Amino acid sequence: MKLKPQHIQPVIMATIMSFLMTAVITLINLGLRPDFLALWARAFAIAWPLAVMAAYIALPIAARLTQRILAALAR
């Protein structure tokens, strides 16, 4: 199977978003503790696969909604 952008983009997007979100939320909830990196890494390990699945589901929905919004605005 030849990989296409639509196969890779959701993984990259989910990785960046889960990386940033888990880091910020862990920092807000727990502060900068000595075990922060371990706690953040655990949160990231849980969030990342879920974010990848959500990205594959959300991207086509978001694309369709975007087209509908743009079509409605163009009228």
C-alpha atoms as a PDB file:
ATOM      1  CA  MET A   1       0.000   0.000   0.000  1.00  0.00           C
ATOM      2  CA  LYS A   2       1.366   3.376  -0.980  1.00  0.00           C
ATOM      3  CA  LEU A   3       1.019   5.917   1.808  1.00  0.00           C
ATOM      4  CA  LYS A   4      -0.805   9.090   0.888  1.00  0.00           C
ATOM      5  CA  PRO A   5      -1.061  12.421   2.711  1.00  0.00           C
ATOM      6  CA  GLN A   6      -4.516  11.504   4.034  1.00  0.00           C
ATOM      7  CA  HIS A   7      -2.923   8.498   5.787  1.00  0.00           C
ATOM      8  CA  ILE A   8      -0.097  10.470   7.426  1.00  0.00           C
ATOM      9  CA  GLN A   9      -1.653  13.874   8.152  1.00  0.00           C
ATOM     10  CA  PRO A  10      -4.095  12.678  10.847  1.00  0.00           C
ATOM     11  CA  VAL A  11      -1.281  10.934  12.714  1.00  0.00           C
ATOM     12  CA  ILE A  12       0.929  14.034  12.650  1.00  0.00           C
ATOM     13  CA  MET A  13      -1.954  16.311  13.623  1.00  0.00           C
ATOM     14  CA  ALA A  14      -2.994  14.013  16.481  1.00  0.00           C
ATOM     15  CA  THR A  15       0.577  13.732  17.714  1.00  0.00           C
ATOM     16  CA  ILE A  16       1.100  17.490  17.857  1.00  0.00           C
ATOM     17  CA  MET A  17      -2.273  18.166  19.443  1.00  0.00           C
ATOM     18  CA  SER A  18      -2.065  15.414  22.055  1.00  0.00           C
ATOM     19  CA  PHE A  19       1.534  16.402  22.867  1.00  0.00           C
ATOM     20  CA  LEU A  20       0.570  20.017  23.515  1.00  0.00           C
ATOM     21  CA  MET A  21      -2.771  19.370  25.203  1.00  0.00           C
ATOM     22  CA  THR A  22      -1.505  16.723  27.616  1.00  0.00           C
ATOM     23  CA  ALA A  23       1.521  18.831  28.520  1.00  0.00           C
ATOM     24  CA  VAL A  24      -0.537  21.961  29.217  1.00  0.00           C
ATOM     25  CA  ILE A  25      -3.350  20.199  31.076  1.00  0.00           C
ATOM     26  CA  THR A  26      -0.919  18.135  33.161  1.00  0.00           C
ATOM     27  CA  LEU A  27       1.000  21.298  34.021  1.00  0.00           C
ATOM     28  CA  ILE A  28      -2.187  23.205  34.932  1.00  0.00           C
ATOM     29  CA  ASN A  29      -3.584  20.370  37.049  1.00  0.00           C
ATOM     30  CA  LEU A  30      -0.415  19.243  38.824  1.00  0.00           C
ATOM     31  CA  GLY A  31       2.116  22.041  38.511  1.00  0.00           C
ATOM     32  CA  LEU A  32       5.779  21.562  37.733  1.00  0.00           C
ATOM     33  CA  ARG A  33       6.483  18.676  40.105  1.00  0.00           C
ATOM     34  CA  PRO A  34       9.612  16.517  40.136  1.00  0.00           C
ATOM     35  CA  ASP A  35       7.623  13.683  38.530  1.00  0.00           C
ATOM     36  CA  PHE A  36       5.984  15.951  35.938  1.00  0.00           C
ATOM     37  CA  LEU A  37       7.658  14.303  32.933  1.00  0.00           C
ATOM     38  CA  ALA A  38       6.601  10.818  34.010  1.00  0.00           C
ATOM     39  CA  LEU A  39       3.015  11.933  34.646  1.00  0.00           C
ATOM     40  CA  TRP A  40       2.870  13.832  31.355  1.00  0.00           C
ATOM     41  CA  ALA A  41       4.309  10.866  29.447  1.00  0.00           C
ATOM     42  CA  ARG A  42       1.615   8.609  30.926  1.00  0.00           C
ATOM     43  CA  ALA A  43      -1.111  11.065  29.921  1.00  0.00           C
ATOM     44  CA  PHE A  44       0.372  11.346  26.415  1.00  0.00           C
ATOM     45  CA  ALA A  45       0.584   7.557  26.030  1.00  0.00           C
ATOM     46  CA  ILE A  46      -3.124   7.299  26.812  1.00  0.00           C
ATOM     47  CA  ALA A  47      -4.229  10.335  24.793  1.00  0.00           C
ATOM     48  CA  TRP A  48      -2.207   9.799  21.615  1.00  0.00           C
ATOM     49  CA  PRO A  49      -3.919   6.650  20.259  1.00  0.00           C
ATOM     50  CA  LEU A  50      -7.311   8.151  21.075  1.00  0.00           C
ATOM     51  CA  ALA A  51      -6.354  11.373  19.307  1.00  0.00           C
ATOM     52  CA  VAL A  52      -5.253   9.447  16.210  1.00  0.00           C
ATOM     53  CA  MET A  53      -8.570   7.595  16.041  1.00  0.00           C
ATOM     54  CA  ALA A  54     -10.473  10.843  16.599  1.00  0.00           C
ATOM     55  CA  ALA A  55      -8.488  12.569  13.848  1.00  0.00           C
ATOM     56  CA  TYR A  56      -9.333   9.872  11.298  1.00  0.00           C
ATOM     57  CA  ILE A  57     -13.001  10.227  12.228  1.00  0.00           C
ATOM     58  CA  ALA A  58     -13.061  14.030  12.525  1.00  0.00           C
ATOM     59  CA  LEU A  59     -11.142  15.050   9.397  1.00  0.00           C
ATOM     60  CA  PRO A  60     -13.735  13.893   6.834  1.00  0.00           C
ATOM     61  CA  ILE A  61     -16.544  15.364   8.933  1.00  0.00           C
ATOM     62  CA  ALA A  62     -14.684  18.661   9.274  1.00  0.00           C
ATOM     63  CA  ALA A  63     -13.997  18.745   5.520  1.00  0.00           C
ATOM     64  CA  ARG A  64     -17.694  18.243   4.703  1.00  0.00           C
ATOM     65  CA  LEU A  65     -18.795  20.864   7.240  1.00  0.00           C
ATOM     66  CA  THR A  66     -16.239  23.307   5.893  1.00  0.00           C
ATOM     67  CA  GLN A  67     -17.549  22.858   2.369  1.00  0.00           C
ATOM     68  CA  ARG A  68     -21.130  23.385   3.550  1.00  0.00           C
ATOM     69  CA  ILE A  69     -20.204  26.543   5.465  1.00  0.00           C
ATOM     70  CA  LEU A  70     -18.271  27.959   2.533  1.00  0.00           C
ATOM     71  CA  ALA A  71     -21.115  27.145   0.134  1.00  0.00           C
ATOM     72  CA  ALA A  72     -23.635  28.832   2.461  1.00  0.00           C
ATOM     73  CA  LEU A  73     -21.452  31.916   2.808  1.00  0.00           C
ATOM     74  CA  ALA A  74     -21.000  32.138  -0.968  1.00  0.00           C
ATOM     75  CA  ARG A  75     -24.782  32.340  -1.539  1.00  0.00           C
END
